[in-house]
Amino acid sequence: MATCTGSGSFQTCYDAQSGNSYSVQRHGNTTTIQGYNSNTGSTWNQTSRKIGGTTFHNGMSSDGNSWSGTSRSIGSQTYHQGIDSDGEPYSGYSYD
């Protein structure tokens, strides 16, 4: 469980169990996360932009591979699809 400090537009979080620390910055319809793991020295990031009912995600995994995807809300369901950091397609649903 991460402990976070800061406001709604900027927060920093740290999870002592995993060694992950990250910052979350929100500006309008864009959220950017920058992460670091103190146990491994690895970094990662994610940017999400919401336009209408669709959120566009992209990022760089800790092994240096990029990924991208979309999440589209329809009623109480959200449909997710994209390409993961191994270059594999993914898709699925979640319920609100």
PDB file of N, CA and C in Angstrom:
ATOM      1  N   MET A   1       0.842  -1.175   0.000  1.00  0.00           N
ATOM      2  CA  MET A   1       0.000   0.000   0.000  1.00  0.00           C
ATOM      3  C   MET A   1       0.887   1.238   0.000  1.00  0.00           C
ATOM      4  N   ALA A   2       0.638   2.113  -0.940  1.00  0.00           N
ATOM      5  CA  ALA A   2       1.436   3.330  -1.088  1.00  0.00           C
ATOM      6  C   ALA A   2       0.922   4.431  -0.162  1.00  0.00           C
ATOM      7  N   THR A   3       1.853   5.234   0.319  1.00  0.00           N
ATOM      8  CA  THR A   3       1.539   6.424   1.091  1.00  0.00           C
ATOM      9  C   THR A   3       1.771   7.623   0.190  1.00  0.00           C
ATOM     10  N   CYS A   4       0.745   8.472   0.072  1.00  0.00           N
ATOM     11  CA  CYS A   4       0.828   9.606  -0.851  1.00  0.00           C
ATOM     12  C   CYS A   4       0.708  10.921  -0.092  1.00  0.00           C
ATOM     13  N   THR A   5       1.407  11.940  -0.591  1.00  0.00           N
ATOM     14  CA  THR A   5       1.299  13.296  -0.066  1.00  0.00           C
ATOM     15  C   THR A   5       1.090  14.232  -1.244  1.00  0.00           C
ATOM     16  N   GLY A   6       0.492  15.379  -0.972  1.00  0.00           N
ATOM     17  CA  GLY A   6       0.289  16.381  -2.009  1.00  0.00           C
ATOM     18  C   GLY A   6      -1.177  16.657  -2.229  1.00  0.00           C
ATOM     19  N   SER A   7      -1.442  17.456  -3.272  1.00  0.00           N
ATOM     20  CA  SER A   7      -2.804  17.893  -3.575  1.00  0.00           C
ATOM     21  C   SER A   7      -3.381  17.072  -4.716  1.00  0.00           C
ATOM     22  N   GLY A   8      -4.568  17.452  -5.157  1.00  0.00           N
ATOM     23  CA  GLY A   8      -5.215  16.761  -6.257  1.00  0.00           C
ATOM     24  C   GLY A   8      -4.480  16.900  -7.576  1.00  0.00           C
ATOM     25  N   SER A   9      -3.779  18.020  -7.793  1.00  0.00           N
ATOM     26  CA  SER A   9      -3.088  18.223  -9.064  1.00  0.00           C
ATOM     27  C   SER A   9      -1.660  17.684  -9.058  1.00  0.00           C
ATOM     28  N   PHE A  10      -1.054  17.487  -7.897  1.00  0.00           N
ATOM     29  CA  PHE A  10       0.287  16.912  -7.831  1.00  0.00           C
ATOM     30  C   PHE A  10       0.435  16.103  -6.548  1.00  0.00           C
ATOM     31  N   GLN A  11       0.816  14.861  -6.705  1.00  0.00           N
ATOM     32  CA  GLN A  11       1.030  13.988  -5.557  1.00  0.00           C
ATOM     33  C   GLN A  11       2.318  13.199  -5.748  1.00  0.00           C
ATOM     34  N   THR A  12       2.963  12.867  -4.653  1.00  0.00           N
ATOM     35  CA  THR A  12       4.071  11.921  -4.667  1.00  0.00           C
ATOM     36  C   THR A  12       3.684  10.762  -3.774  1.00  0.00           C
ATOM     37  N   CYS A  13       4.031   9.556  -4.189  1.00  0.00           N
ATOM     38  CA  CYS A  13       3.639   8.356  -3.458  1.00  0.00           C
ATOM     39  C   CYS A  13       4.846   7.438  -3.297  1.00  0.00           C
ATOM     40  N   TYR A  14       4.836   6.666  -2.206  1.00  0.00           N
ATOM     41  CA  TYR A  14       5.907   5.706  -1.957  1.00  0.00           C
ATOM     42  C   TYR A  14       5.308   4.438  -1.367  1.00  0.00           C
ATOM     43  N   ASP A  15       5.714   3.301  -1.909  1.00  0.00           N
ATOM     44  CA  ASP A  15       5.304   1.988  -1.416  1.00  0.00           C
ATOM     45  C   ASP A  15       6.555   1.296  -0.889  1.00  0.00           C
ATOM     46  N   ALA A  16       6.729   1.280   0.431  1.00  0.00           N
ATOM     47  CA  ALA A  16       7.931   0.718   1.043  1.00  0.00           C
ATOM     48  C   ALA A  16       8.092  -0.771   0.754  1.00  0.00           C
ATOM     49  N   GLN A  17       6.986  -1.491   0.637  1.00  0.00           N
ATOM     50  CA  GLN A  17       7.059  -2.933   0.407  1.00  0.00           C
ATOM     51  C   GLN A  17       7.655  -3.256  -0.968  1.00  0.00           C
ATOM     52  N   SER A  18       7.244  -2.537  -2.010  1.00  0.00           N
ATOM     53  CA  SER A  18       7.731  -2.819  -3.366  1.00  0.00           C
ATOM     54  C   SER A  18       8.956  -1.987  -3.736  1.00  0.00           C
ATOM     55  N   GLY A  19       9.176  -0.869  -3.031  1.00  0.00           N
ATOM     56  CA  GLY A  19      10.261   0.041  -3.381  1.00  0.00           C
ATOM     57  C   GLY A  19       9.866   1.059  -4.434  1.00  0.00           C
ATOM     58  N   ASN A  20       8.607   1.037  -4.880  1.00  0.00           N
ATOM     59  CA  ASN A  20       8.145   1.977  -5.903  1.00  0.00           C
ATOM     60  C   ASN A  20       7.850   3.349  -5.307  1.00  0.00           C
ATOM     61  N   SER A  21       8.363   4.372  -5.945  1.00  0.00           N
ATOM     62  CA  SER A  21       7.956   5.744  -5.650  1.00  0.00           C
ATOM     63  C   SER A  21       7.540   6.366  -6.968  1.00  0.00           C
ATOM     64  N   TYR A  22       6.562   7.236  -6.947  1.00  0.00           N
ATOM     65  CA  TYR A  22       6.084   7.836  -8.176  1.00  0.00           C
ATOM     66  C   TYR A  22       5.425   9.170  -7.898  1.00  0.00           C
ATOM     67  N   SER A  23       5.423  10.001  -8.919  1.00  0.00           N
ATOM     68  CA  SER A  23       4.731  11.281  -8.851  1.00  0.00           C
ATOM     69  C   SER A  23       3.575  11.252  -9.830  1.00  0.00           C
ATOM     70  N   VAL A  24       2.482  11.876  -9.441  1.00  0.00           N
ATOM     71  CA  VAL A  24       1.280  11.953 -10.266  1.00  0.00           C
ATOM     72  C   VAL A  24       0.957  13.425 -10.455  1.00  0.00           C
ATOM     73  N   GLN A  25       0.934  13.857 -11.705  1.00  0.00           N
ATOM     74  CA  GLN A  25       0.609  15.243 -12.014  1.00  0.00           C
ATOM     75  C   GLN A  25      -0.613  15.278 -12.916  1.00  0.00           C
ATOM     76  N   ARG A  26      -1.618  16.057 -12.501  1.00  0.00           N
ATOM     77  CA  ARG A  26      -2.853  16.196 -13.273  1.00  0.00           C
ATOM     78  C   ARG A  26      -2.974  17.632 -13.763  1.00  0.00           C
ATOM     79  N   HIS A  27      -3.233  17.767 -15.068  1.00  0.00           N
ATOM     80  CA  HIS A  27      -3.416  19.082 -15.656  1.00  0.00           C
ATOM     81  C   HIS A  27      -4.510  18.969 -16.711  1.00  0.00           C
ATOM     82  N   GLY A  28      -5.677  19.517 -16.416  1.00  0.00           N
ATOM     83  CA  GLY A  28      -6.798  19.417 -17.336  1.00  0.00           C
ATOM     84  C   GLY A  28      -7.194  17.971 -17.552  1.00  0.00           C
ATOM     85  N   ASN A  29      -7.185  17.532 -18.789  1.00  0.00           N
ATOM     86  CA  ASN A  29      -7.605  16.162 -19.103  1.00  0.00           C
ATOM     87  C   ASN A  29      -6.411  15.199 -19.208  1.00  0.00           C
ATOM     88  N   THR A  30      -5.216  15.626 -18.743  1.00  0.00           N
ATOM     89  CA  THR A  30      -4.006  14.819 -18.858  1.00  0.00           C
ATOM     90  C   THR A  30      -3.452  14.471 -17.472  1.00  0.00           C
ATOM     91  N   THR A  31      -3.109  13.202 -17.293  1.00  0.00           N
ATOM     92  CA  THR A  31      -2.452  12.733 -16.075  1.00  0.00           C
ATOM     93  C   THR A  31      -1.132  12.088 -16.466  1.00  0.00           C
ATOM     94  N   THR A  32      -0.047  12.514 -15.808  1.00  0.00           N
ATOM     95  CA  THR A  32       1.282  11.971 -16.069  1.00  0.00           C
ATOM     96  C   THR A  32       1.827  11.346 -14.797  1.00  0.00           C
ATOM     97  N   ILE A  33       2.345  10.136 -14.916  1.00  0.00           N
ATOM     98  CA  ILE A  33       2.938   9.426 -13.781  1.00  0.00           C
ATOM     99  C   ILE A  33       4.387   9.109 -14.133  1.00  0.00           C
ATOM    100  N   GLN A  34       5.299   9.454 -13.230  1.00  0.00           N
ATOM    101  CA  GLN A  34       6.717   9.122 -13.368  1.00  0.00           C
ATOM    102  C   GLN A  34       7.073   8.239 -12.184  1.00  0.00           C
ATOM    103  N   GLY A  35       7.633   7.062 -12.440  1.00  0.00           N
ATOM    104  CA  GLY A  35       7.924   6.124 -11.370  1.00  0.00           C
ATOM    105  C   GLY A  35       9.382   5.717 -11.297  1.00  0.00           C
ATOM    106  N   TYR A  36       9.783   5.283 -10.097  1.00  0.00           N
ATOM    107  CA  TYR A  36      11.148   4.821  -9.835  1.00  0.00           C
ATOM    108  C   TYR A  36      11.073   3.717  -8.795  1.00  0.00           C
ATOM    109  N   ASN A  37      11.887   2.673  -8.980  1.00  0.00           N
ATOM    110  CA  ASN A  37      11.945   1.601  -7.982  1.00  0.00           C
ATOM    111  C   ASN A  37      13.322   1.611  -7.339  1.00  0.00           C
ATOM    112  N   SER A  38      13.372   1.881  -6.035  1.00  0.00           N
ATOM    113  CA  SER A  38      14.644   1.981  -5.318  1.00  0.00           C
ATOM    114  C   SER A  38      15.317   0.624  -5.143  1.00  0.00           C
ATOM    115  N   ASN A  39      14.573  -0.466  -5.241  1.00  0.00           N
ATOM    116  CA  ASN A  39      15.168  -1.801  -5.116  1.00  0.00           C
ATOM    117  C   ASN A  39      15.908  -2.216  -6.381  1.00  0.00           C
ATOM    118  N   THR A  40      15.405  -1.807  -7.545  1.00  0.00           N
ATOM    119  CA  THR A  40      15.984  -2.240  -8.819  1.00  0.00           C
ATOM    120  C   THR A  40      16.672  -1.117  -9.590  1.00  0.00           C
ATOM    121  N   GLY A  41      16.383   0.138  -9.247  1.00  0.00           N
ATOM    122  CA  GLY A  41      16.931   1.278  -9.977  1.00  0.00           C
ATOM    123  C   GLY A  41      16.195   1.565 -11.270  1.00  0.00           C
ATOM    124  N   SER A  42      15.110   0.869 -11.538  1.00  0.00           N
ATOM    125  CA  SER A  42      14.383   1.038 -12.795  1.00  0.00           C
ATOM    126  C   SER A  42      13.413   2.217 -12.730  1.00  0.00           C
ATOM    127  N   THR A  43      13.110   2.759 -13.896  1.00  0.00           N
ATOM    128  CA  THR A  43      12.141   3.850 -14.016  1.00  0.00           C
ATOM    129  C   THR A  43      11.042   3.433 -14.986  1.00  0.00           C
ATOM    130  N   TRP A  44       9.893   4.105 -14.902  1.00  0.00           N
ATOM    131  CA  TRP A  44       8.764   3.848 -15.782  1.00  0.00           C
ATOM    132  C   TRP A  44       7.905   5.097 -15.815  1.00  0.00           C
ATOM    133  N   ASN A  45       7.040   5.203 -16.820  1.00  0.00           N
ATOM    134  CA  ASN A  45       6.158   6.365 -16.894  1.00  0.00           C
ATOM    135  C   ASN A  45       4.888   6.018 -17.648  1.00  0.00           C
ATOM    136  N   GLN A  46       3.895   6.853 -17.445  1.00  0.00           N
ATOM    137  CA  GLN A  46       2.610   6.701 -18.130  1.00  0.00           C
ATOM    138  C   GLN A  46       1.979   8.073 -18.294  1.00  0.00           C
ATOM    139  N   THR A  47       1.384   8.304 -19.460  1.00  0.00           N
ATOM    140  CA  THR A  47       0.592   9.510 -19.699  1.00  0.00           C
ATOM    141  C   THR A  47      -0.784   9.081 -20.178  1.00  0.00           C
ATOM    142  N   SER A  48      -1.823   9.667 -19.596  1.00  0.00           N
ATOM    143  CA  SER A  48      -3.202   9.379 -19.988  1.00  0.00           C
ATOM    144  C   SER A  48      -3.896  10.690 -20.329  1.00  0.00           C
ATOM    145  N   ARG A  49      -4.588  10.701 -21.471  1.00  0.00           N
ATOM    146  CA  ARG A  49      -5.350  11.883 -21.892  1.00  0.00           C
ATOM    147  C   ARG A  49      -6.782  11.462 -22.172  1.00  0.00           C
ATOM    148  N   LYS A  50      -7.717  12.138 -21.511  1.00  0.00           N
ATOM    149  CA  LYS A  50      -9.131  11.820 -21.707  1.00  0.00           C
ATOM    150  C   LYS A  50      -9.746  12.802 -22.683  1.00  0.00           C
ATOM    151  N   ILE A  51     -10.365  12.238 -23.726  1.00  0.00           N
ATOM    152  CA  ILE A  51     -11.070  13.045 -24.717  1.00  0.00           C
ATOM    153  C   ILE A  51     -12.451  12.426 -24.869  1.00  0.00           C
ATOM    154  N   GLY A  52     -13.472  13.137 -24.415  1.00  0.00           N
ATOM    155  CA  GLY A  52     -14.830  12.596 -24.415  1.00  0.00           C
ATOM    156  C   GLY A  52     -14.898  11.374 -23.516  1.00  0.00           C
ATOM    157  N   GLY A  53     -15.437  10.278 -24.014  1.00  0.00           N
ATOM    158  CA  GLY A  53     -15.554   9.050 -23.236  1.00  0.00           C
ATOM    159  C   GLY A  53     -14.383   8.097 -23.412  1.00  0.00           C
ATOM    160  N   THR A  54     -13.317   8.556 -24.084  1.00  0.00           N
ATOM    161  CA  THR A  54     -12.163   7.692 -24.345  1.00  0.00           C
ATOM    162  C   THR A  54     -10.923   8.266 -23.674  1.00  0.00           C
ATOM    163  N   THR A  55     -10.158   7.391 -23.031  1.00  0.00           N
ATOM    164  CA  THR A  55      -8.872   7.768 -22.459  1.00  0.00           C
ATOM    165  C   THR A  55      -7.771   7.068 -23.244  1.00  0.00           C
ATOM    166  N   PHE A  56      -6.790   7.852 -23.695  1.00  0.00           N
ATOM    167  CA  PHE A  56      -5.652   7.347 -24.443  1.00  0.00           C
ATOM    168  C   PHE A  56      -4.454   7.244 -23.501  1.00  0.00           C
ATOM    169  N   HIS A  57      -3.857   6.067 -23.427  1.00  0.00           N
ATOM    170  CA  HIS A  57      -2.742   5.816 -22.528  1.00  0.00           C
ATOM    171  C   HIS A  57      -1.496   5.482 -23.344  1.00  0.00           C
ATOM    172  N   ASN A  58      -0.340   5.914 -22.866  1.00  0.00           N
ATOM    173  CA  ASN A  58       0.919   5.426 -23.408  1.00  0.00           C
ATOM    174  C   ASN A  58       1.983   5.540 -22.333  1.00  0.00           C
ATOM    175  N   GLY A  59       3.026   4.753 -22.475  1.00  0.00           N
ATOM    176  CA  GLY A  59       4.069   4.794 -21.472  1.00  0.00           C
ATOM    177  C   GLY A  59       5.275   3.975 -21.851  1.00  0.00           C
ATOM    178  N   MET A  60       6.213   3.946 -20.915  1.00  0.00           N
ATOM    179  CA  MET A  60       7.448   3.196 -21.048  1.00  0.00           C
ATOM    180  C   MET A  60       7.583   2.319 -19.812  1.00  0.00           C
ATOM    181  N   SER A  61       7.739   1.015 -20.037  1.00  0.00           N
ATOM    182  CA  SER A  61       7.857   0.078 -18.924  1.00  0.00           C
ATOM    183  C   SER A  61       9.263   0.139 -18.332  1.00  0.00           C
ATOM    184  N   SER A  62       9.463  -0.519 -17.205  1.00  0.00           N
ATOM    185  CA  SER A  62      10.749  -0.490 -16.521  1.00  0.00           C
ATOM    186  C   SER A  62      11.850  -1.164 -17.327  1.00  0.00           C
ATOM    187  N   ASP A  63      11.500  -2.000 -18.292  1.00  0.00           N
ATOM    188  CA  ASP A  63      12.521  -2.630 -19.135  1.00  0.00           C
ATOM    189  C   ASP A  63      12.786  -1.836 -20.422  1.00  0.00           C
ATOM    190  N   GLY A  64      12.215  -0.615 -20.512  1.00  0.00           N
ATOM    191  CA  GLY A  64      12.491   0.268 -21.638  1.00  0.00           C
ATOM    192  C   GLY A  64      11.602   0.084 -22.845  1.00  0.00           C
ATOM    193  N   ASN A  65      10.592  -0.758 -22.741  1.00  0.00           N
ATOM    194  CA  ASN A  65       9.678  -0.983 -23.860  1.00  0.00           C
ATOM    195  C   ASN A  65       8.455  -0.083 -23.744  1.00  0.00           C
ATOM    196  N   SER A  66       7.995   0.429 -24.871  1.00  0.00           N
ATOM    197  CA  SER A  66       6.816   1.293 -24.858  1.00  0.00           C
ATOM    198  C   SER A  66       5.544   0.471 -25.004  1.00  0.00           C
ATOM    199  N   TRP A  67       4.430   1.060 -24.621  1.00  0.00           N
ATOM    200  CA  TRP A  67       3.117   0.433 -24.739  1.00  0.00           C
ATOM    201  C   TRP A  67       2.103   1.545 -24.959  1.00  0.00           C
ATOM    202  N   SER A  68       0.926   1.173 -25.466  1.00  0.00           N
ATOM    203  CA  SER A  68      -0.137   2.157 -25.673  1.00  0.00           C
ATOM    204  C   SER A  68      -1.481   1.458 -25.670  1.00  0.00           C
ATOM    205  N   GLY A  69      -2.521   2.222 -25.381  1.00  0.00           N
ATOM    206  CA  GLY A  69      -3.854   1.653 -25.376  1.00  0.00           C
ATOM    207  C   GLY A  69      -4.917   2.703 -25.184  1.00  0.00           C
ATOM    208  N   THR A  70      -6.166   2.255 -25.255  1.00  0.00           N
ATOM    209  CA  THR A  70      -7.309   3.127 -25.016  1.00  0.00           C
ATOM    210  C   THR A  70      -8.264   2.449 -24.041  1.00  0.00           C
ATOM    211  N   SER A  71      -8.994   3.273 -23.320  1.00  0.00           N
ATOM    212  CA  SER A  71     -10.085   2.818 -22.453  1.00  0.00           C
ATOM    213  C   SER A  71     -11.311   3.633 -22.829  1.00  0.00           C
ATOM    214  N   ARG A  72     -12.379   2.959 -23.200  1.00  0.00           N
ATOM    215  CA  ARG A  72     -13.594   3.622 -23.671  1.00  0.00           C
ATOM    216  C   ARG A  72     -14.753   3.242 -22.763  1.00  0.00           C
ATOM    217  N   SER A  73     -15.370   4.229 -22.144  1.00  0.00           N
ATOM    218  CA  SER A  73     -16.499   3.984 -21.244  1.00  0.00           C
ATOM    219  C   SER A  73     -17.801   3.986 -22.010  1.00  0.00           C
ATOM    220  N   ILE A  74     -18.582   2.934 -21.782  1.00  0.00           N
ATOM    221  CA  ILE A  74     -19.917   2.817 -22.368  1.00  0.00           C
ATOM    222  C   ILE A  74     -20.840   2.355 -21.250  1.00  0.00           C
ATOM    223  N   GLY A  75     -21.656   3.268 -20.740  1.00  0.00           N
ATOM    224  CA  GLY A  75     -22.509   2.935 -19.598  1.00  0.00           C
ATOM    225  C   GLY A  75     -21.662   2.598 -18.383  1.00  0.00           C
ATOM    226  N   SER A  76     -21.912   1.451 -17.776  1.00  0.00           N
ATOM    227  CA  SER A  76     -21.150   1.039 -16.593  1.00  0.00           C
ATOM    228  C   SER A  76     -19.966   0.147 -16.947  1.00  0.00           C
ATOM    229  N   GLN A  77     -19.693  -0.031 -18.245  1.00  0.00           N
ATOM    230  CA  GLN A  77     -18.561  -0.843 -18.694  1.00  0.00           C
ATOM    231  C   GLN A  77     -17.473   0.038 -19.292  1.00  0.00           C
ATOM    232  N   THR A  78     -16.240  -0.411 -19.149  1.00  0.00           N
ATOM    233  CA  THR A  78     -15.116   0.230 -19.813  1.00  0.00           C
ATOM    234  C   THR A  78     -14.397  -0.834 -20.628  1.00  0.00           C
ATOM    235  N   TYR A  79     -14.192  -0.554 -21.915  1.00  0.00           N
ATOM    236  CA  TYR A  79     -13.521  -1.469 -22.825  1.00  0.00           C
ATOM    237  C   TYR A  79     -12.079  -1.003 -22.991  1.00  0.00           C
ATOM    238  N   HIS A  80     -11.136  -1.915 -22.750  1.00  0.00           N
ATOM    239  CA  HIS A  80      -9.714  -1.612 -22.827  1.00  0.00           C
ATOM    240  C   HIS A  80      -9.100  -2.374 -23.995  1.00  0.00           C
ATOM    241  N   GLN A  81      -8.233  -1.719 -24.749  1.00  0.00           N
ATOM    242  CA  GLN A  81      -7.502  -2.402 -25.813  1.00  0.00           C
ATOM    243  C   GLN A  81      -6.205  -1.664 -26.081  1.00  0.00           C
ATOM    244  N   GLY A  82      -5.212  -2.381 -26.582  1.00  0.00           N
ATOM    245  CA  GLY A  82      -3.940  -1.756 -26.903  1.00  0.00           C
ATOM    246  C   GLY A  82      -2.857  -2.782 -27.165  1.00  0.00           C
ATOM    247  N   ILE A  83      -1.622  -2.314 -27.085  1.00  0.00           N
ATOM    248  CA  ILE A  83      -0.435  -3.135 -27.271  1.00  0.00           C
ATOM    249  C   ILE A  83       0.396  -3.017 -25.993  1.00  0.00           C
ATOM    250  N   ASP A  84       0.707  -4.157 -25.347  1.00  0.00           N
ATOM    251  CA  ASP A  84       1.475  -4.114 -24.104  1.00  0.00           C
ATOM    252  C   ASP A  84       2.972  -3.935 -24.376  1.00  0.00           C
ATOM    253  N   SER A  85       3.769  -3.861 -23.322  1.00  0.00           N
ATOM    254  CA  SER A  85       5.200  -3.574 -23.461  1.00  0.00           C
ATOM    255  C   SER A  85       5.988  -4.723 -24.076  1.00  0.00           C
ATOM    256  N   ASP A  86       5.357  -5.874 -24.252  1.00  0.00           N
ATOM    257  CA  ASP A  86       5.984  -6.981 -24.967  1.00  0.00           C
ATOM    258  C   ASP A  86       5.567  -7.016 -26.438  1.00  0.00           C
ATOM    259  N   GLY A  87       4.802  -6.014 -26.876  1.00  0.00           N
ATOM    260  CA  GLY A  87       4.342  -5.951 -28.256  1.00  0.00           C
ATOM    261  C   GLY A  87       3.122  -6.800 -28.540  1.00  0.00           C
ATOM    262  N   GLU A  88       2.481  -7.296 -27.476  1.00  0.00           N
ATOM    263  CA  GLU A  88       1.310  -8.160 -27.624  1.00  0.00           C
ATOM    264  C   GLU A  88       0.023  -7.362 -27.496  1.00  0.00           C
ATOM    265  N   PRO A  89      -0.972  -7.642 -28.328  1.00  0.00           N
ATOM    266  CA  PRO A  89      -2.261  -6.972 -28.191  1.00  0.00           C
ATOM    267  C   PRO A  89      -3.013  -7.447 -26.950  1.00  0.00           C
ATOM    268  N   TYR A  90      -3.783  -6.553 -26.362  1.00  0.00           N
ATOM    269  CA  TYR A  90      -4.657  -6.935 -25.245  1.00  0.00           C
ATOM    270  C   TYR A  90      -6.007  -6.278 -25.440  1.00  0.00           C
ATOM    271  N   SER A  91      -7.016  -6.861 -24.840  1.00  0.00           N
ATOM    272  CA  SER A  91      -8.349  -6.250 -24.828  1.00  0.00           C
ATOM    273  C   SER A  91      -9.146  -6.891 -23.703  1.00  0.00           C
ATOM    274  N   GLY A  92     -10.146  -6.171 -23.229  1.00  0.00           N
ATOM    275  CA  GLY A  92     -11.004  -6.695 -22.175  1.00  0.00           C
ATOM    276  C   GLY A  92     -11.940  -5.623 -21.661  1.00  0.00           C
ATOM    277  N   TYR A  93     -12.804  -6.035 -20.751  1.00  0.00           N
ATOM    278  CA  TYR A  93     -13.807  -5.160 -20.138  1.00  0.00           C
ATOM    279  C   TYR A  93     -13.572  -5.064 -18.647  1.00  0.00           C
ATOM    280  N   SER A  94     -13.967  -3.939 -18.075  1.00  0.00           N
ATOM    281  CA  SER A  94     -14.074  -3.806 -16.630  1.00  0.00           C
ATOM    282  C   SER A  94     -15.419  -3.142 -16.342  1.00  0.00           C
ATOM    283  N   TYR A  95     -15.908  -3.315 -15.134  1.00  0.00           N
ATOM    284  CA  TYR A  95     -17.208  -2.762 -14.741  1.00  0.00           C
ATOM    285  C   TYR A  95     -17.033  -1.747 -13.643  1.00  0.00           C
ATOM    286  N   ASP A  96     -17.746  -0.628 -13.767  1.00  0.00           N
ATOM    287  CA  ASP A  96     -17.677   0.432 -12.755  1.00  0.00           C
ATOM    288  C   ASP A  96     -18.557   0.099 -11.583  1.00  0.00           C
TER     289      ASP A  96
END
